[in-house]
N, C-alpha and C. Protein backbone atom coordinates (compact mmCIF):
# COMPACT_ATOMS: atom_id res chain seq x y z
N UNK A 1 -26.83 9.47 18.59
CA UNK A 1 -28.00 10.26 18.28
C UNK A 1 -28.37 11.07 19.52
N UNK A 2 -28.64 12.32 19.35
CA UNK A 2 -29.06 13.15 20.47
C UNK A 2 -30.46 12.74 20.89
N UNK A 3 -30.68 12.60 22.18
CA UNK A 3 -31.98 12.11 22.64
C UNK A 3 -33.06 13.16 22.44
N UNK A 4 -34.13 12.74 21.83
CA UNK A 4 -35.29 13.60 21.67
C UNK A 4 -35.26 14.53 20.48
N UNK A 5 -34.11 14.75 19.88
CA UNK A 5 -34.05 15.71 18.77
C UNK A 5 -34.24 15.06 17.42
N UNK A 6 -33.87 13.81 17.30
CA UNK A 6 -34.00 13.13 16.02
C UNK A 6 -32.87 13.43 15.05
N UNK A 7 -31.93 14.29 15.46
CA UNK A 7 -30.80 14.61 14.60
C UNK A 7 -29.63 13.69 14.93
N UNK A 8 -29.08 13.10 13.91
CA UNK A 8 -27.91 12.23 14.10
C UNK A 8 -26.67 13.02 13.77
N UNK A 9 -25.69 12.97 14.66
CA UNK A 9 -24.44 13.66 14.42
C UNK A 9 -23.36 12.60 14.20
N UNK A 10 -22.79 12.60 13.03
CA UNK A 10 -21.76 11.63 12.69
C UNK A 10 -20.40 12.23 13.00
N UNK A 11 -19.61 11.48 13.75
CA UNK A 11 -18.26 11.92 14.07
C UNK A 11 -17.27 11.13 13.21
N UNK A 12 -16.04 11.58 13.21
CA UNK A 12 -15.01 10.86 12.47
C UNK A 12 -14.83 9.45 13.00
N UNK A 13 -14.97 9.27 14.31
CA UNK A 13 -14.84 7.93 14.90
C UNK A 13 -15.90 6.98 14.37
N UNK A 14 -17.06 7.50 13.99
CA UNK A 14 -18.12 6.66 13.43
C UNK A 14 -17.74 6.11 12.06
N UNK A 15 -16.79 6.74 11.39
CA UNK A 15 -16.38 6.31 10.06
C UNK A 15 -15.34 5.19 10.09
N UNK A 16 -14.76 4.91 11.25
CA UNK A 16 -13.67 3.94 11.35
C UNK A 16 -14.03 2.58 10.76
N UNK A 17 -15.19 1.97 11.08
CA UNK A 17 -15.49 0.65 10.48
C UNK A 17 -15.56 0.68 8.95
N UNK A 18 -16.09 1.77 8.40
CA UNK A 18 -16.19 1.88 6.95
C UNK A 18 -14.81 2.09 6.32
N UNK A 19 -14.00 2.91 6.97
CA UNK A 19 -12.64 3.12 6.48
C UNK A 19 -11.83 1.83 6.56
N UNK A 20 -12.01 1.06 7.63
CA UNK A 20 -11.32 -0.22 7.74
C UNK A 20 -11.76 -1.17 6.63
N UNK A 21 -13.05 -1.18 6.32
CA UNK A 21 -13.55 -2.04 5.24
C UNK A 21 -12.93 -1.65 3.91
N UNK A 22 -12.88 -0.36 3.63
CA UNK A 22 -12.27 0.12 2.39
C UNK A 22 -10.78 -0.22 2.39
N UNK A 23 -10.12 -0.02 3.53
CA UNK A 23 -8.69 -0.28 3.64
C UNK A 23 -8.38 -1.76 3.39
N UNK A 24 -9.10 -2.64 4.04
CA UNK A 24 -8.83 -4.08 3.90
C UNK A 24 -9.18 -4.56 2.50
N UNK A 25 -10.29 -4.08 1.94
CA UNK A 25 -10.64 -4.45 0.57
C UNK A 25 -9.60 -3.95 -0.42
N UNK A 26 -9.18 -2.70 -0.25
CA UNK A 26 -8.14 -2.15 -1.12
C UNK A 26 -6.85 -2.93 -1.02
N UNK A 27 -6.45 -3.29 0.21
CA UNK A 27 -5.23 -4.08 0.39
C UNK A 27 -5.34 -5.45 -0.26
N UNK A 28 -6.51 -6.09 -0.12
CA UNK A 28 -6.69 -7.43 -0.71
C UNK A 28 -6.55 -7.38 -2.23
N UNK A 29 -7.21 -6.41 -2.85
CA UNK A 29 -7.13 -6.30 -4.31
C UNK A 29 -5.73 -5.88 -4.74
N UNK A 30 -5.14 -4.93 -4.03
CA UNK A 30 -3.80 -4.44 -4.36
C UNK A 30 -2.79 -5.57 -4.29
N UNK A 31 -2.76 -6.29 -3.18
CA UNK A 31 -1.76 -7.35 -3.01
C UNK A 31 -2.01 -8.52 -3.95
N UNK A 32 -3.27 -8.88 -4.15
CA UNK A 32 -3.57 -9.96 -5.10
C UNK A 32 -3.11 -9.57 -6.50
N UNK A 33 -3.36 -8.33 -6.87
CA UNK A 33 -2.92 -7.86 -8.18
C UNK A 33 -1.41 -7.85 -8.32
N UNK A 34 -0.71 -7.47 -7.23
CA UNK A 34 0.75 -7.46 -7.28
C UNK A 34 1.31 -8.88 -7.37
N UNK A 35 0.58 -9.87 -6.85
CA UNK A 35 0.99 -11.25 -7.05
C UNK A 35 0.71 -11.71 -8.48
N UNK A 36 -0.42 -11.30 -9.03
CA UNK A 36 -0.83 -11.75 -10.36
C UNK A 36 0.00 -11.12 -11.48
N UNK A 37 0.35 -9.85 -11.33
CA UNK A 37 1.02 -9.15 -12.43
C UNK A 37 2.37 -9.74 -12.82
N UNK A 38 3.25 -10.14 -11.89
CA UNK A 38 4.49 -10.78 -12.34
C UNK A 38 4.24 -12.06 -13.15
N UNK A 39 3.22 -12.81 -12.78
CA UNK A 39 2.88 -14.00 -13.56
C UNK A 39 2.37 -13.61 -14.94
N UNK A 40 1.56 -12.56 -14.99
CA UNK A 40 1.07 -12.09 -16.29
C UNK A 40 2.22 -11.56 -17.14
N UNK A 41 3.18 -10.88 -16.50
CA UNK A 41 4.33 -10.38 -17.24
C UNK A 41 5.17 -11.51 -17.82
N UNK A 42 5.21 -12.64 -17.14
CA UNK A 42 5.99 -13.78 -17.63
C UNK A 42 5.43 -14.32 -18.94
N UNK A 43 4.16 -14.05 -19.22
CA UNK A 43 3.55 -14.51 -20.48
C UNK A 43 3.96 -13.65 -21.67
N UNK A 44 4.58 -12.51 -21.44
CA UNK A 44 4.98 -11.62 -22.53
C UNK A 44 6.15 -12.26 -23.27
N UNK A 45 5.85 -12.84 -24.39
CA UNK A 45 6.87 -13.45 -25.24
C UNK A 45 6.50 -13.13 -26.68
N UNK A 46 7.29 -12.31 -27.36
CA UNK A 46 6.97 -11.94 -28.74
C UNK A 46 6.86 -13.14 -29.67
N UNK A 47 7.41 -14.28 -29.28
CA UNK A 47 7.35 -15.46 -30.13
C UNK A 47 5.94 -16.05 -30.21
N UNK A 48 5.02 -15.63 -29.34
CA UNK A 48 3.68 -16.22 -29.33
C UNK A 48 2.78 -15.67 -30.43
N UNK A 49 3.20 -14.66 -31.11
CA UNK A 49 2.38 -14.07 -32.16
C UNK A 49 1.91 -12.69 -31.74
N UNK A 50 1.77 -11.82 -32.71
CA UNK A 50 1.44 -10.43 -32.44
C UNK A 50 0.08 -10.27 -31.77
N UNK A 51 -0.93 -10.98 -32.22
CA UNK A 51 -2.27 -10.83 -31.65
C UNK A 51 -2.31 -11.27 -30.19
N UNK A 52 -1.70 -12.42 -29.88
CA UNK A 52 -1.68 -12.89 -28.49
C UNK A 52 -0.83 -11.98 -27.61
N UNK A 53 0.30 -11.52 -28.15
CA UNK A 53 1.17 -10.61 -27.40
C UNK A 53 0.40 -9.33 -27.05
N UNK A 54 -0.32 -8.77 -28.02
CA UNK A 54 -1.10 -7.55 -27.81
C UNK A 54 -2.19 -7.78 -26.75
N UNK A 55 -2.84 -8.93 -26.81
CA UNK A 55 -3.89 -9.26 -25.85
C UNK A 55 -3.33 -9.34 -24.42
N UNK A 56 -2.20 -10.01 -24.26
CA UNK A 56 -1.58 -10.15 -22.94
C UNK A 56 -1.08 -8.80 -22.44
N UNK A 57 -0.50 -8.00 -23.35
CA UNK A 57 -0.01 -6.68 -22.97
C UNK A 57 -1.15 -5.80 -22.48
N UNK A 58 -2.27 -5.83 -23.19
CA UNK A 58 -3.44 -5.04 -22.76
C UNK A 58 -3.97 -5.53 -21.43
N UNK A 59 -4.02 -6.84 -21.25
CA UNK A 59 -4.52 -7.39 -19.98
C UNK A 59 -3.67 -6.92 -18.81
N UNK A 60 -2.36 -6.96 -18.95
CA UNK A 60 -1.50 -6.50 -17.85
C UNK A 60 -1.66 -4.99 -17.64
N UNK A 61 -1.74 -4.25 -18.72
CA UNK A 61 -1.89 -2.80 -18.61
C UNK A 61 -3.20 -2.44 -17.90
N UNK A 62 -4.30 -3.02 -18.34
CA UNK A 62 -5.60 -2.70 -17.74
C UNK A 62 -5.71 -3.21 -16.31
N UNK A 63 -5.12 -4.36 -16.02
CA UNK A 63 -5.14 -4.85 -14.64
C UNK A 63 -4.41 -3.87 -13.74
N UNK A 64 -3.27 -3.40 -14.19
CA UNK A 64 -2.47 -2.47 -13.40
C UNK A 64 -3.17 -1.13 -13.23
N UNK A 65 -3.69 -0.56 -14.33
CA UNK A 65 -4.23 0.80 -14.28
C UNK A 65 -5.67 0.87 -13.79
N UNK A 66 -6.47 -0.15 -14.03
CA UNK A 66 -7.88 -0.08 -13.67
C UNK A 66 -8.26 -0.85 -12.41
N UNK A 67 -7.39 -1.71 -11.94
CA UNK A 67 -7.71 -2.49 -10.74
C UNK A 67 -6.67 -2.28 -9.63
N UNK A 68 -5.42 -2.59 -9.93
CA UNK A 68 -4.39 -2.63 -8.89
C UNK A 68 -4.06 -1.22 -8.38
N UNK A 69 -3.83 -0.28 -9.27
CA UNK A 69 -3.48 1.07 -8.84
C UNK A 69 -4.62 1.77 -8.10
N UNK A 70 -5.87 1.72 -8.59
CA UNK A 70 -6.95 2.32 -7.80
C UNK A 70 -7.12 1.65 -6.43
N UNK A 71 -6.91 0.34 -6.35
CA UNK A 71 -7.00 -0.34 -5.06
C UNK A 71 -5.88 0.15 -4.13
N UNK A 72 -4.69 0.35 -4.68
CA UNK A 72 -3.58 0.86 -3.86
C UNK A 72 -3.89 2.27 -3.34
N UNK A 73 -4.43 3.10 -4.21
CA UNK A 73 -4.78 4.46 -3.80
C UNK A 73 -5.84 4.43 -2.71
N UNK A 74 -6.86 3.60 -2.88
CA UNK A 74 -7.92 3.47 -1.87
C UNK A 74 -7.35 2.98 -0.54
N UNK A 75 -6.44 2.01 -0.61
CA UNK A 75 -5.84 1.47 0.62
C UNK A 75 -5.01 2.53 1.33
N UNK A 76 -4.23 3.28 0.58
CA UNK A 76 -3.37 4.31 1.18
C UNK A 76 -4.20 5.46 1.75
N UNK A 77 -5.19 5.93 1.01
CA UNK A 77 -6.00 7.05 1.49
C UNK A 77 -6.81 6.64 2.72
N UNK A 78 -7.46 5.48 2.67
CA UNK A 78 -8.24 5.05 3.83
C UNK A 78 -7.33 4.76 5.02
N UNK A 79 -6.16 4.21 4.77
CA UNK A 79 -5.20 3.97 5.84
C UNK A 79 -4.71 5.26 6.47
N UNK A 80 -4.49 6.27 5.66
CA UNK A 80 -4.07 7.58 6.17
C UNK A 80 -5.16 8.17 7.05
N UNK A 81 -6.41 8.09 6.62
CA UNK A 81 -7.51 8.58 7.44
C UNK A 81 -7.61 7.82 8.75
N UNK A 82 -7.41 6.51 8.69
CA UNK A 82 -7.45 5.71 9.92
C UNK A 82 -6.35 6.15 10.90
N UNK A 83 -5.17 6.42 10.38
CA UNK A 83 -4.07 6.88 11.23
C UNK A 83 -4.43 8.20 11.89
N UNK A 84 -4.97 9.12 11.11
CA UNK A 84 -5.30 10.44 11.65
C UNK A 84 -6.44 10.37 12.66
N UNK A 85 -7.43 9.56 12.39
CA UNK A 85 -8.57 9.45 13.31
C UNK A 85 -8.18 8.71 14.58
N UNK A 86 -7.47 7.61 14.43
CA UNK A 86 -7.12 6.78 15.59
C UNK A 86 -5.85 7.26 16.30
N UNK A 87 -5.12 8.18 15.67
CA UNK A 87 -3.89 8.75 16.23
C UNK A 87 -2.89 7.66 16.61
N UNK A 88 -2.56 6.84 15.63
CA UNK A 88 -1.59 5.76 15.84
C UNK A 88 -0.21 6.27 15.43
N UNK A 89 0.64 6.47 16.42
CA UNK A 89 1.99 6.98 16.16
C UNK A 89 3.04 6.17 16.92
N UNK A 90 2.79 4.89 17.10
CA UNK A 90 3.70 4.02 17.85
C UNK A 90 4.89 3.62 16.98
N UNK A 91 6.00 3.20 17.61
CA UNK A 91 7.17 2.79 16.84
C UNK A 91 6.89 1.64 15.86
N UNK A 92 6.05 0.67 16.23
CA UNK A 92 5.73 -0.41 15.31
C UNK A 92 5.07 0.14 14.05
N UNK A 93 4.27 1.20 14.22
CA UNK A 93 3.57 1.78 13.08
C UNK A 93 4.54 2.48 12.14
N UNK A 94 5.53 3.14 12.69
CA UNK A 94 6.54 3.80 11.86
C UNK A 94 7.29 2.76 11.03
N UNK A 95 7.63 1.63 11.67
CA UNK A 95 8.29 0.55 10.94
C UNK A 95 7.37 -0.03 9.88
N UNK A 96 6.09 -0.13 10.18
CA UNK A 96 5.11 -0.61 9.19
C UNK A 96 5.11 0.31 7.97
N UNK A 97 5.18 1.62 8.22
CA UNK A 97 5.19 2.57 7.11
C UNK A 97 6.41 2.40 6.22
N UNK A 98 7.52 1.99 6.80
CA UNK A 98 8.72 1.71 6.00
C UNK A 98 8.42 0.55 5.03
N UNK A 99 7.80 -0.50 5.55
CA UNK A 99 7.48 -1.64 4.69
C UNK A 99 6.39 -1.29 3.67
N UNK A 100 5.43 -0.46 4.05
CA UNK A 100 4.41 -0.01 3.09
C UNK A 100 5.07 0.81 1.99
N UNK A 101 6.05 1.63 2.35
CA UNK A 101 6.79 2.40 1.33
C UNK A 101 7.50 1.47 0.36
N UNK A 102 8.06 0.39 0.88
CA UNK A 102 8.70 -0.60 0.00
C UNK A 102 7.66 -1.29 -0.88
N UNK A 103 6.45 -1.50 -0.36
CA UNK A 103 5.37 -2.07 -1.16
C UNK A 103 4.97 -1.12 -2.28
N UNK A 104 4.93 0.17 -1.98
CA UNK A 104 4.63 1.18 -3.01
C UNK A 104 5.76 1.20 -4.05
N UNK A 105 7.00 1.07 -3.62
CA UNK A 105 8.12 1.01 -4.58
C UNK A 105 8.01 -0.23 -5.45
N UNK A 106 7.61 -1.35 -4.86
CA UNK A 106 7.41 -2.59 -5.63
C UNK A 106 6.31 -2.36 -6.67
N UNK A 107 5.24 -1.69 -6.27
CA UNK A 107 4.15 -1.36 -7.18
C UNK A 107 4.68 -0.53 -8.36
N UNK A 108 5.52 0.45 -8.05
CA UNK A 108 6.11 1.26 -9.12
C UNK A 108 7.00 0.45 -10.03
N UNK A 109 7.77 -0.49 -9.46
CA UNK A 109 8.63 -1.35 -10.28
C UNK A 109 7.78 -2.19 -11.23
N UNK A 110 6.65 -2.72 -10.74
CA UNK A 110 5.77 -3.52 -11.61
C UNK A 110 5.26 -2.65 -12.75
N UNK A 111 4.84 -1.42 -12.45
CA UNK A 111 4.37 -0.52 -13.50
C UNK A 111 5.46 -0.20 -14.51
N UNK A 112 6.68 0.02 -14.02
CA UNK A 112 7.81 0.28 -14.91
C UNK A 112 8.08 -0.93 -15.80
N UNK A 113 8.02 -2.11 -15.22
CA UNK A 113 8.26 -3.33 -16.00
C UNK A 113 7.19 -3.51 -17.07
N UNK A 114 5.94 -3.23 -16.73
CA UNK A 114 4.85 -3.32 -17.72
C UNK A 114 5.13 -2.36 -18.88
N UNK A 115 5.56 -1.15 -18.56
CA UNK A 115 5.86 -0.16 -19.59
C UNK A 115 7.04 -0.61 -20.46
N UNK A 116 8.09 -1.10 -19.82
CA UNK A 116 9.27 -1.56 -20.57
C UNK A 116 8.92 -2.71 -21.52
N UNK A 117 8.14 -3.64 -21.04
CA UNK A 117 7.76 -4.79 -21.88
C UNK A 117 6.91 -4.32 -23.05
N UNK A 118 6.02 -3.36 -22.81
CA UNK A 118 5.14 -2.87 -23.88
C UNK A 118 5.90 -2.04 -24.90
N UNK A 119 6.86 -1.24 -24.46
CA UNK A 119 7.55 -0.33 -25.37
C UNK A 119 8.73 -0.97 -26.08
N UNK A 120 9.28 -2.02 -25.51
CA UNK A 120 10.42 -2.67 -26.13
C UNK A 120 10.19 -4.18 -26.22
N UNK A 121 9.18 -4.60 -27.00
CA UNK A 121 8.89 -6.03 -27.09
C UNK A 121 10.09 -6.81 -27.62
N UNK A 122 10.40 -7.88 -26.95
CA UNK A 122 11.49 -8.74 -27.37
C UNK A 122 12.83 -8.38 -26.74
N UNK A 123 13.04 -7.09 -26.42
CA UNK A 123 14.33 -6.71 -25.86
C UNK A 123 14.31 -6.62 -24.33
N UNK A 124 13.14 -6.54 -23.75
CA UNK A 124 13.04 -6.49 -22.29
C UNK A 124 12.24 -7.69 -21.80
N UNK A 125 12.91 -8.54 -21.06
CA UNK A 125 12.25 -9.74 -20.51
C UNK A 125 12.06 -9.54 -19.01
N UNK A 126 10.84 -9.65 -18.53
CA UNK A 126 10.63 -9.53 -17.09
C UNK A 126 11.21 -10.74 -16.37
N UNK A 127 11.52 -10.58 -15.09
CA UNK A 127 12.07 -11.71 -14.34
C UNK A 127 11.01 -12.78 -14.11
N UNK A 128 11.47 -13.94 -13.72
CA UNK A 128 10.57 -15.01 -13.34
C UNK A 128 9.68 -14.52 -12.20
N UNK A 129 8.42 -14.93 -12.17
CA UNK A 129 7.52 -14.46 -11.11
C UNK A 129 7.95 -14.90 -9.70
N UNK A 130 8.81 -15.89 -9.59
CA UNK A 130 9.20 -16.40 -8.27
C UNK A 130 9.92 -15.34 -7.44
N UNK A 131 10.83 -14.61 -8.04
CA UNK A 131 11.61 -13.62 -7.28
C UNK A 131 10.72 -12.45 -6.84
N UNK A 132 9.97 -11.80 -7.75
CA UNK A 132 9.10 -10.71 -7.29
C UNK A 132 8.07 -11.18 -6.26
N UNK A 133 7.51 -12.37 -6.45
CA UNK A 133 6.52 -12.85 -5.50
C UNK A 133 7.13 -13.17 -4.14
N UNK A 134 8.38 -13.61 -4.10
CA UNK A 134 9.07 -13.84 -2.82
C UNK A 134 9.30 -12.51 -2.11
N UNK A 135 9.69 -11.48 -2.86
CA UNK A 135 9.87 -10.15 -2.27
C UNK A 135 8.53 -9.63 -1.75
N UNK A 136 7.49 -9.78 -2.55
CA UNK A 136 6.16 -9.32 -2.16
C UNK A 136 5.67 -10.06 -0.92
N UNK A 137 5.87 -11.36 -0.87
CA UNK A 137 5.44 -12.15 0.29
C UNK A 137 6.18 -11.69 1.55
N UNK A 138 7.47 -11.41 1.43
CA UNK A 138 8.25 -10.93 2.56
C UNK A 138 7.71 -9.60 3.07
N UNK A 139 7.42 -8.67 2.16
CA UNK A 139 6.88 -7.37 2.55
C UNK A 139 5.52 -7.52 3.22
N UNK A 140 4.66 -8.33 2.63
CA UNK A 140 3.32 -8.51 3.19
C UNK A 140 3.38 -9.16 4.57
N UNK A 141 4.22 -10.17 4.74
CA UNK A 141 4.33 -10.82 6.05
C UNK A 141 4.88 -9.87 7.11
N UNK A 142 5.83 -9.03 6.72
CA UNK A 142 6.37 -8.05 7.66
C UNK A 142 5.28 -7.07 8.09
N UNK A 143 4.51 -6.58 7.13
CA UNK A 143 3.44 -5.64 7.44
C UNK A 143 2.38 -6.30 8.33
N UNK A 144 1.94 -7.49 7.94
CA UNK A 144 0.94 -8.20 8.75
C UNK A 144 1.43 -8.49 10.16
N UNK A 145 2.68 -8.89 10.28
CA UNK A 145 3.24 -9.18 11.60
C UNK A 145 3.22 -7.93 12.47
N UNK A 146 3.64 -6.82 11.91
CA UNK A 146 3.65 -5.57 12.68
C UNK A 146 2.24 -5.13 13.06
N UNK A 147 1.30 -5.25 12.13
CA UNK A 147 -0.07 -4.80 12.40
C UNK A 147 -0.76 -5.69 13.43
N UNK A 148 -0.59 -6.99 13.29
CA UNK A 148 -1.29 -7.92 14.19
C UNK A 148 -0.61 -8.06 15.54
N UNK A 149 0.71 -8.02 15.58
CA UNK A 149 1.43 -8.20 16.84
C UNK A 149 1.61 -6.89 17.59
N UNK A 150 1.69 -5.79 16.87
CA UNK A 150 1.96 -4.48 17.48
C UNK A 150 3.06 -4.58 18.54
N UNK A 151 4.24 -5.00 18.11
CA UNK A 151 5.31 -5.25 19.10
C UNK A 151 5.75 -3.97 19.82
N UNK A 152 6.15 -4.17 21.06
CA UNK A 152 6.69 -3.06 21.85
C UNK A 152 8.18 -2.93 21.51
N UNK A 153 8.62 -1.74 21.27
CA UNK A 153 10.02 -1.50 21.00
C UNK A 153 10.58 -0.64 22.13
N UNK A 154 10.65 -1.24 23.33
CA UNK A 154 11.13 -0.50 24.49
C UNK A 154 12.61 -0.18 24.40
N UNK A 155 13.35 -1.00 23.67
CA UNK A 155 14.79 -0.81 23.60
C UNK A 155 15.22 0.12 22.48
N UNK A 156 14.25 0.72 21.79
CA UNK A 156 14.62 1.66 20.72
C UNK A 156 15.34 2.85 21.32
N UNK A 157 16.42 3.18 20.73
CA UNK A 157 17.15 4.36 21.18
C UNK A 157 17.67 5.11 19.97
N UNK A 158 18.00 6.32 20.20
CA UNK A 158 18.54 7.15 19.14
C UNK A 158 19.39 8.22 19.76
N UNK A 159 19.84 9.15 18.96
CA UNK A 159 20.66 10.23 19.52
C UNK A 159 19.83 11.03 20.53
N UNK A 160 20.49 11.51 21.56
CA UNK A 160 19.81 12.24 22.63
C UNK A 160 19.05 13.44 22.08
N UNK A 161 19.61 14.14 21.10
CA UNK A 161 18.94 15.31 20.55
C UNK A 161 17.63 14.95 19.86
N UNK A 162 17.51 13.71 19.42
CA UNK A 162 16.29 13.27 18.75
C UNK A 162 15.29 12.69 19.73
N UNK A 163 15.76 12.12 20.83
CA UNK A 163 14.90 11.42 21.78
C UNK A 163 14.43 12.31 22.94
N UNK A 164 14.98 13.51 23.07
CA UNK A 164 14.64 14.38 24.18
C UNK A 164 13.72 15.49 23.70
N UNK A 165 12.54 15.64 24.33
CA UNK A 165 11.65 16.75 23.95
C UNK A 165 12.31 18.09 24.27
N UNK A 166 12.14 19.06 23.42
CA UNK A 166 12.75 20.37 23.61
C UNK A 166 11.77 21.38 24.19
N UNK A 167 10.49 20.97 24.31
CA UNK A 167 9.47 21.86 24.90
C UNK A 167 9.38 23.20 24.17
N UNK A 168 9.50 23.17 22.86
CA UNK A 168 9.37 24.40 22.08
C UNK A 168 8.00 24.45 21.44
N UNK A 169 7.58 25.64 21.11
CA UNK A 169 6.30 25.85 20.45
C UNK A 169 6.47 25.63 18.94
N UNK A 170 5.50 24.98 18.32
CA UNK A 170 5.52 24.81 16.87
C UNK A 170 5.25 26.17 16.21
N UNK A 171 5.75 26.38 15.00
CA UNK A 171 5.54 27.67 14.34
C UNK A 171 4.15 27.82 13.73
N UNK A 172 3.25 26.90 14.05
CA UNK A 172 1.88 26.97 13.55
C UNK A 172 0.95 26.41 14.62
N UNK A 173 -0.32 26.72 14.49
CA UNK A 173 -1.30 26.25 15.47
C UNK A 173 -1.66 24.80 15.20
N UNK A 174 -1.70 24.01 16.25
CA UNK A 174 -2.09 22.61 16.15
C UNK A 174 -3.54 22.50 16.57
N UNK A 175 -4.40 21.98 15.70
CA UNK A 175 -5.82 21.89 16.08
C UNK A 175 -6.03 20.90 17.22
N UNK A 176 -6.89 21.26 18.14
CA UNK A 176 -7.26 20.36 19.23
C UNK A 176 -8.52 19.62 18.84
N UNK A 177 -8.78 18.57 19.56
CA UNK A 177 -10.00 17.80 19.26
C UNK A 177 -11.17 18.62 19.53
């Protein structure tokens, strides 16, 4: 707050705690939903009766579309803003993004499986929840390890043309702080 003026000026850095809260909440709901959905998919059995099958199918559909996907979007958008505000471009972060991309692909696979089960009842059986949940647990542990440990990758190397700055000007203006 500027002294004596009474006007409060909010900066992007002031938003970091709120963005972190949205990010962590979104991640919690997203990951919990990704754990729950394979178990819900395992209940899809046309032998249980049409009414129960329809109820379970709707539950998985609505969980995916109204809870898990919006939480994923909130987590990704708030995480992107956090990256831009905090300017985190370390090698551990790039590796984290690889695992987050795999988590997004897993999310897409769950959505595809929900669609397949709904559109082809009886002919498409989802896998046992153990395998998807093991994959999900591996991805989540990798992401958490990278975020909490922030390991140094001093030995990272690549081709010289990629690792050496060329001191060239970008073809567009880069905004300064």
